[in-house]
N, C-alpha and C. Protein backbone atom coordinates (compact mmCIF):
# COMPACT_ATOMS: atom_id res chain seq x y z
N UNK A 1 70.67 115.55 104.68
CA UNK A 1 71.39 114.60 105.47
C UNK A 1 72.87 114.98 105.49
N UNK A 2 73.49 114.88 106.62
CA UNK A 2 74.90 115.17 106.76
C UNK A 2 75.72 114.03 106.19
N UNK A 3 76.68 114.36 105.36
CA UNK A 3 77.54 113.35 104.75
C UNK A 3 78.83 113.23 105.52
N UNK A 4 79.30 112.01 105.64
CA UNK A 4 80.58 111.74 106.28
C UNK A 4 81.61 111.44 105.21
N UNK A 5 82.82 111.83 105.47
CA UNK A 5 83.93 111.49 104.59
C UNK A 5 84.97 110.74 105.42
N UNK A 6 85.73 109.89 104.77
CA UNK A 6 86.77 109.17 105.47
C UNK A 6 88.01 109.11 104.61
N UNK A 7 89.13 108.94 105.29
CA UNK A 7 90.41 108.83 104.60
C UNK A 7 91.35 107.97 105.42
N UNK A 8 92.31 107.39 104.74
CA UNK A 8 93.35 106.60 105.40
C UNK A 8 94.59 107.49 105.52
N UNK A 9 95.20 107.47 106.68
CA UNK A 9 96.40 108.30 106.92
C UNK A 9 97.39 107.49 107.76
N UNK A 10 98.65 107.87 107.71
CA UNK A 10 99.63 107.23 108.61
C UNK A 10 99.32 107.58 110.06
N UNK A 11 99.68 106.69 110.96
CA UNK A 11 99.41 106.93 112.38
C UNK A 11 100.13 108.18 112.89
N UNK A 12 101.21 108.61 112.22
CA UNK A 12 101.89 109.84 112.62
C UNK A 12 100.98 111.07 112.42
N UNK A 13 100.11 111.03 111.40
CA UNK A 13 99.14 112.12 111.20
C UNK A 13 98.16 112.19 112.37
N UNK A 14 97.77 111.03 112.88
CA UNK A 14 96.86 111.00 114.03
C UNK A 14 97.50 111.65 115.25
N UNK A 15 98.75 111.34 115.49
CA UNK A 15 99.41 111.93 116.66
C UNK A 15 99.50 113.44 116.54
N UNK A 16 99.71 113.95 115.32
CA UNK A 16 99.74 115.40 115.11
C UNK A 16 98.36 116.02 115.31
N UNK A 17 97.31 115.32 114.88
CA UNK A 17 95.94 115.83 115.07
C UNK A 17 95.58 115.89 116.55
N UNK A 18 95.99 114.87 117.30
CA UNK A 18 95.61 114.79 118.72
C UNK A 18 96.33 115.83 119.58
N UNK A 19 97.47 116.34 119.13
CA UNK A 19 98.21 117.35 119.91
C UNK A 19 97.35 118.59 120.13
N UNK A 20 96.66 119.06 119.10
CA UNK A 20 95.84 120.26 119.23
C UNK A 20 94.37 119.99 119.40
N UNK A 21 94.01 118.76 119.75
CA UNK A 21 92.60 118.37 119.81
C UNK A 21 92.05 118.35 121.22
N UNK A 22 90.73 118.47 121.30
CA UNK A 22 90.00 118.23 122.55
C UNK A 22 89.49 116.81 122.49
N UNK A 23 90.09 115.92 123.27
CA UNK A 23 89.74 114.51 123.25
C UNK A 23 88.46 114.28 124.04
N UNK A 24 87.44 113.74 123.36
CA UNK A 24 86.17 113.44 124.01
C UNK A 24 86.24 112.08 124.71
N UNK A 25 86.74 111.09 123.95
CA UNK A 25 86.78 109.73 124.48
C UNK A 25 87.76 108.91 123.66
N UNK A 26 88.40 107.94 124.31
CA UNK A 26 89.25 107.00 123.59
C UNK A 26 89.13 105.64 124.26
N UNK A 27 89.32 104.60 123.46
CA UNK A 27 89.24 103.25 123.99
C UNK A 27 90.05 102.31 123.11
N UNK A 28 90.48 101.23 123.69
CA UNK A 28 91.20 100.20 122.94
C UNK A 28 90.34 98.95 122.87
N UNK A 29 90.28 98.38 121.67
CA UNK A 29 89.54 97.13 121.46
C UNK A 29 90.49 96.20 120.71
N UNK A 30 91.04 95.24 121.39
CA UNK A 30 92.03 94.36 120.77
C UNK A 30 93.23 95.15 120.31
N UNK A 31 93.58 95.03 119.02
CA UNK A 31 94.72 95.75 118.45
C UNK A 31 94.34 97.09 117.85
N UNK A 32 93.11 97.55 118.10
CA UNK A 32 92.60 98.79 117.50
C UNK A 32 92.36 99.82 118.60
N UNK A 33 92.71 101.07 118.32
CA UNK A 33 92.43 102.17 119.25
C UNK A 33 91.45 103.14 118.58
N UNK A 34 90.41 103.50 119.30
CA UNK A 34 89.40 104.44 118.79
C UNK A 34 89.52 105.77 119.53
N UNK A 35 89.40 106.86 118.77
CA UNK A 35 89.49 108.21 119.33
C UNK A 35 88.33 109.04 118.82
N UNK A 36 87.66 109.72 119.72
CA UNK A 36 86.60 110.68 119.37
C UNK A 36 87.09 112.03 119.87
N UNK A 37 87.28 112.98 118.95
CA UNK A 37 87.88 114.25 119.34
C UNK A 37 87.38 115.39 118.45
N UNK A 38 87.72 116.61 118.84
CA UNK A 38 87.40 117.79 118.06
C UNK A 38 88.66 118.60 117.81
N UNK A 39 88.82 119.04 116.56
CA UNK A 39 89.93 119.90 116.17
C UNK A 39 89.33 121.15 115.55
N UNK A 40 89.58 122.29 116.16
CA UNK A 40 89.05 123.57 115.68
C UNK A 40 87.54 123.51 115.46
N UNK A 41 86.83 122.87 116.38
CA UNK A 41 85.38 122.79 116.31
C UNK A 41 84.84 121.71 115.40
N UNK A 42 85.70 120.99 114.70
CA UNK A 42 85.26 119.93 113.79
C UNK A 42 85.39 118.58 114.50
N UNK A 43 84.25 117.88 114.59
CA UNK A 43 84.22 116.58 115.25
C UNK A 43 84.80 115.50 114.34
N UNK A 44 85.63 114.62 114.92
CA UNK A 44 86.27 113.56 114.15
C UNK A 44 86.31 112.28 114.97
N UNK A 45 86.37 111.18 114.26
CA UNK A 45 86.60 109.87 114.86
C UNK A 45 87.78 109.26 114.12
N UNK A 46 88.71 108.70 114.86
CA UNK A 46 89.86 108.06 114.26
C UNK A 46 90.00 106.65 114.80
N UNK A 47 90.37 105.73 113.92
CA UNK A 47 90.60 104.34 114.28
C UNK A 47 92.06 104.03 113.93
N UNK A 48 92.88 103.86 114.95
CA UNK A 48 94.29 103.52 114.74
C UNK A 48 94.39 102.01 114.61
N UNK A 49 94.84 101.57 113.43
CA UNK A 49 94.91 100.15 113.12
C UNK A 49 96.27 99.57 113.49
N UNK A 50 96.33 98.27 113.67
CA UNK A 50 97.57 97.61 114.08
C UNK A 50 98.67 97.71 113.04
N UNK A 51 98.32 97.94 111.78
CA UNK A 51 99.33 97.99 110.72
C UNK A 51 99.99 99.36 110.56
N UNK A 52 99.68 100.31 111.46
CA UNK A 52 100.30 101.63 111.40
C UNK A 52 99.52 102.65 110.61
N UNK A 53 98.34 102.28 110.15
CA UNK A 53 97.48 103.22 109.44
C UNK A 53 96.34 103.67 110.33
N UNK A 54 95.75 104.78 109.95
CA UNK A 54 94.63 105.34 110.71
C UNK A 54 93.48 105.64 109.76
N UNK A 55 92.28 105.27 110.16
CA UNK A 55 91.07 105.63 109.44
C UNK A 55 90.49 106.85 110.15
N UNK A 56 90.37 107.98 109.43
CA UNK A 56 89.84 109.22 110.00
C UNK A 56 88.48 109.48 109.38
N UNK A 57 87.46 109.66 110.21
CA UNK A 57 86.09 109.90 109.76
C UNK A 57 85.66 111.26 110.28
N UNK A 58 85.09 112.08 109.39
CA UNK A 58 84.64 113.41 109.79
C UNK A 58 83.45 113.84 108.94
N UNK A 59 82.80 114.90 109.36
CA UNK A 59 81.67 115.46 108.61
C UNK A 59 82.22 116.24 107.42
N UNK A 60 81.62 116.05 106.27
CA UNK A 60 82.04 116.76 105.07
C UNK A 60 81.70 118.23 105.22
N UNK A 61 82.72 119.06 105.34
CA UNK A 61 82.50 120.50 105.53
C UNK A 61 82.15 121.21 104.23
N UNK A 62 82.40 120.57 103.11
CA UNK A 62 82.10 121.16 101.80
C UNK A 62 80.97 120.38 101.14
N UNK A 63 79.86 120.30 101.83
CA UNK A 63 78.72 119.56 101.28
C UNK A 63 78.21 120.22 100.02
N UNK A 64 78.04 119.43 99.02
CA UNK A 64 77.41 119.92 97.79
C UNK A 64 76.10 119.17 97.64
N UNK A 65 75.08 119.90 97.42
CA UNK A 65 73.78 119.29 97.31
C UNK A 65 73.57 118.81 95.89
N UNK A 66 73.11 117.58 95.77
CA UNK A 66 72.85 117.01 94.46
C UNK A 66 71.46 117.40 94.01
N UNK A 67 71.36 117.77 92.77
CA UNK A 67 70.07 118.11 92.20
C UNK A 67 69.94 117.39 90.88
N UNK A 68 68.75 116.99 90.59
CA UNK A 68 68.50 116.34 89.32
C UNK A 68 68.53 117.35 88.21
N UNK A 69 69.14 117.00 87.11
CA UNK A 69 69.18 117.87 85.95
C UNK A 69 68.04 117.48 85.03
N UNK A 70 67.28 118.43 84.60
CA UNK A 70 66.17 118.19 83.68
C UNK A 70 66.57 118.74 82.33
N UNK A 71 66.59 117.86 81.34
CA UNK A 71 66.90 118.30 79.97
C UNK A 71 65.79 119.15 79.42
N UNK A 72 66.12 120.04 78.49
CA UNK A 72 65.13 120.90 77.86
C UNK A 72 64.02 120.09 77.19
N UNK A 73 64.38 118.96 76.60
CA UNK A 73 63.39 118.13 75.91
C UNK A 73 62.37 117.56 76.91
N UNK A 74 62.81 117.29 78.14
CA UNK A 74 61.91 116.71 79.14
C UNK A 74 60.93 117.72 79.71
N UNK A 75 61.23 119.00 79.64
CA UNK A 75 60.35 120.00 80.23
C UNK A 75 59.05 120.13 79.46
N UNK A 76 59.02 119.70 78.22
CA UNK A 76 57.79 119.79 77.44
C UNK A 76 56.72 118.87 78.00
N UNK A 77 57.14 117.77 78.60
CA UNK A 77 56.15 116.82 79.13
C UNK A 77 55.66 117.20 80.51
N UNK A 78 56.24 118.20 81.13
CA UNK A 78 55.83 118.61 82.48
C UNK A 78 54.62 119.42 82.46
């Protein structure tokens, strides 16, 4: 399964991201602005909040797969 990561950033970071981005879609809902865009092939969604912060959501490019660790003592019962 693809994991998403999110972070909070100042709205000035969003404006810098959008300068070099390919904007797919944007819309305003009340005091919130939503942006769907791609930067260097990476798809992102940003939510510009009324308080001057931005929520940036993107696919985790450094996915680490979780694996269960089996202790040596447990292998005897297998």
